[in-house]
Protein backbone atom coordinates (compact mmCIF):
# COMPACT_ATOMS: atom_id res chain seq x y z
CA UNK A 1 84.19 101.03 14.89
CA UNK A 2 86.97 101.76 17.34
CA UNK A 3 87.08 101.81 21.10
CA UNK A 4 87.14 105.60 21.60
CA UNK A 5 86.07 105.77 25.24
CA UNK A 6 87.65 104.46 28.41
CA UNK A 7 86.87 103.81 32.03
CA UNK A 8 89.44 103.24 34.74
CA UNK A 9 88.08 100.93 37.39
CA UNK A 10 89.39 99.99 40.82
CA UNK A 11 90.48 96.36 40.90
CA UNK A 12 93.27 94.77 42.89
CA UNK A 13 94.84 91.36 43.27
CA UNK A 14 95.72 88.73 40.73
CA UNK A 15 93.83 87.55 37.65
CA UNK A 16 92.25 90.96 37.02
CA UNK A 17 91.57 90.28 33.35
CA UNK A 18 90.01 86.88 33.99
CA UNK A 19 87.86 88.18 36.85
CA UNK A 20 86.66 91.14 34.78
CA UNK A 21 85.78 88.94 31.79
CA UNK A 22 83.75 86.59 34.01
CA UNK A 23 81.96 89.46 35.72
CA UNK A 24 81.23 91.27 32.42
CA UNK A 25 79.95 88.05 30.85
CA UNK A 26 77.47 87.59 33.67
CA UNK A 27 76.52 91.23 34.34
CA UNK A 28 76.81 92.89 30.91
CA UNK A 29 76.82 90.18 28.23
CA UNK A 30 76.17 92.64 25.37
CA UNK A 31 78.98 95.03 26.34
CA UNK A 32 81.74 95.46 23.75
CA UNK A 33 85.07 96.25 25.38
CA UNK A 34 88.81 95.95 24.91
CA UNK A 35 91.11 95.04 27.79
CA UNK A 36 94.85 95.61 28.11
CA UNK A 37 97.09 92.70 27.16
CA UNK A 38 98.22 92.32 30.76
CA UNK A 39 98.10 94.13 34.09
CA UNK A 40 100.76 94.03 36.80
CA UNK A 41 99.62 92.39 40.01
CA UNK A 42 100.69 95.46 42.02
CA UNK A 43 98.33 97.85 40.24
CA UNK A 44 95.02 98.71 41.85
CA UNK A 45 93.25 99.99 38.72
CA UNK A 46 92.60 98.82 35.19
CA UNK A 47 91.60 100.83 32.11
CA UNK A 48 88.91 99.36 29.89
CA UNK A 49 88.30 100.68 26.39
CA UNK A 50 84.67 101.01 25.27
CA UNK A 51 82.88 101.83 22.01
CA UNK A 52 80.35 104.38 23.26
CA UNK A 53 79.50 106.69 26.11
CA UNK A 54 76.39 104.60 26.74
CA UNK A 55 78.57 101.52 27.22
CA UNK A 56 80.74 103.47 29.65
CA UNK A 57 77.70 104.58 31.64
CA UNK A 58 76.33 101.02 31.75
CA UNK A 59 79.68 99.70 32.95
CA UNK A 60 80.10 102.31 35.67
CA UNK A 61 76.50 101.80 36.85
CA UNK A 62 76.94 98.03 37.16
CA UNK A 63 80.31 98.43 38.87
CA UNK A 64 78.78 100.66 41.52
CA UNK A 65 76.52 97.72 42.46
CA UNK A 66 79.25 95.05 42.42
CA UNK A 67 82.72 94.34 43.73
CA UNK A 68 85.48 92.75 41.71
C-alpha cells in the first residue's frame, strides 16, 4: 500500500522531523506515515504522506489539540 494522501502542517524551528516523530509516537502510535528526508530550518510547514483519509483526519484532529 502506498502513501496516497498528504497533510501539510505548520511547524517551525529546528529538528522538525525528530519533534514530529516523538509527538506522533506519543499521540498517534498506530499512525502510518512517511516524512520527507529533510526539511530546511527556514520553512514553516512540513508535508506528511499518509495511507488513508482516515489517517489524515486523525492527524489533523490531534494537531488541532497540540502544538509542535
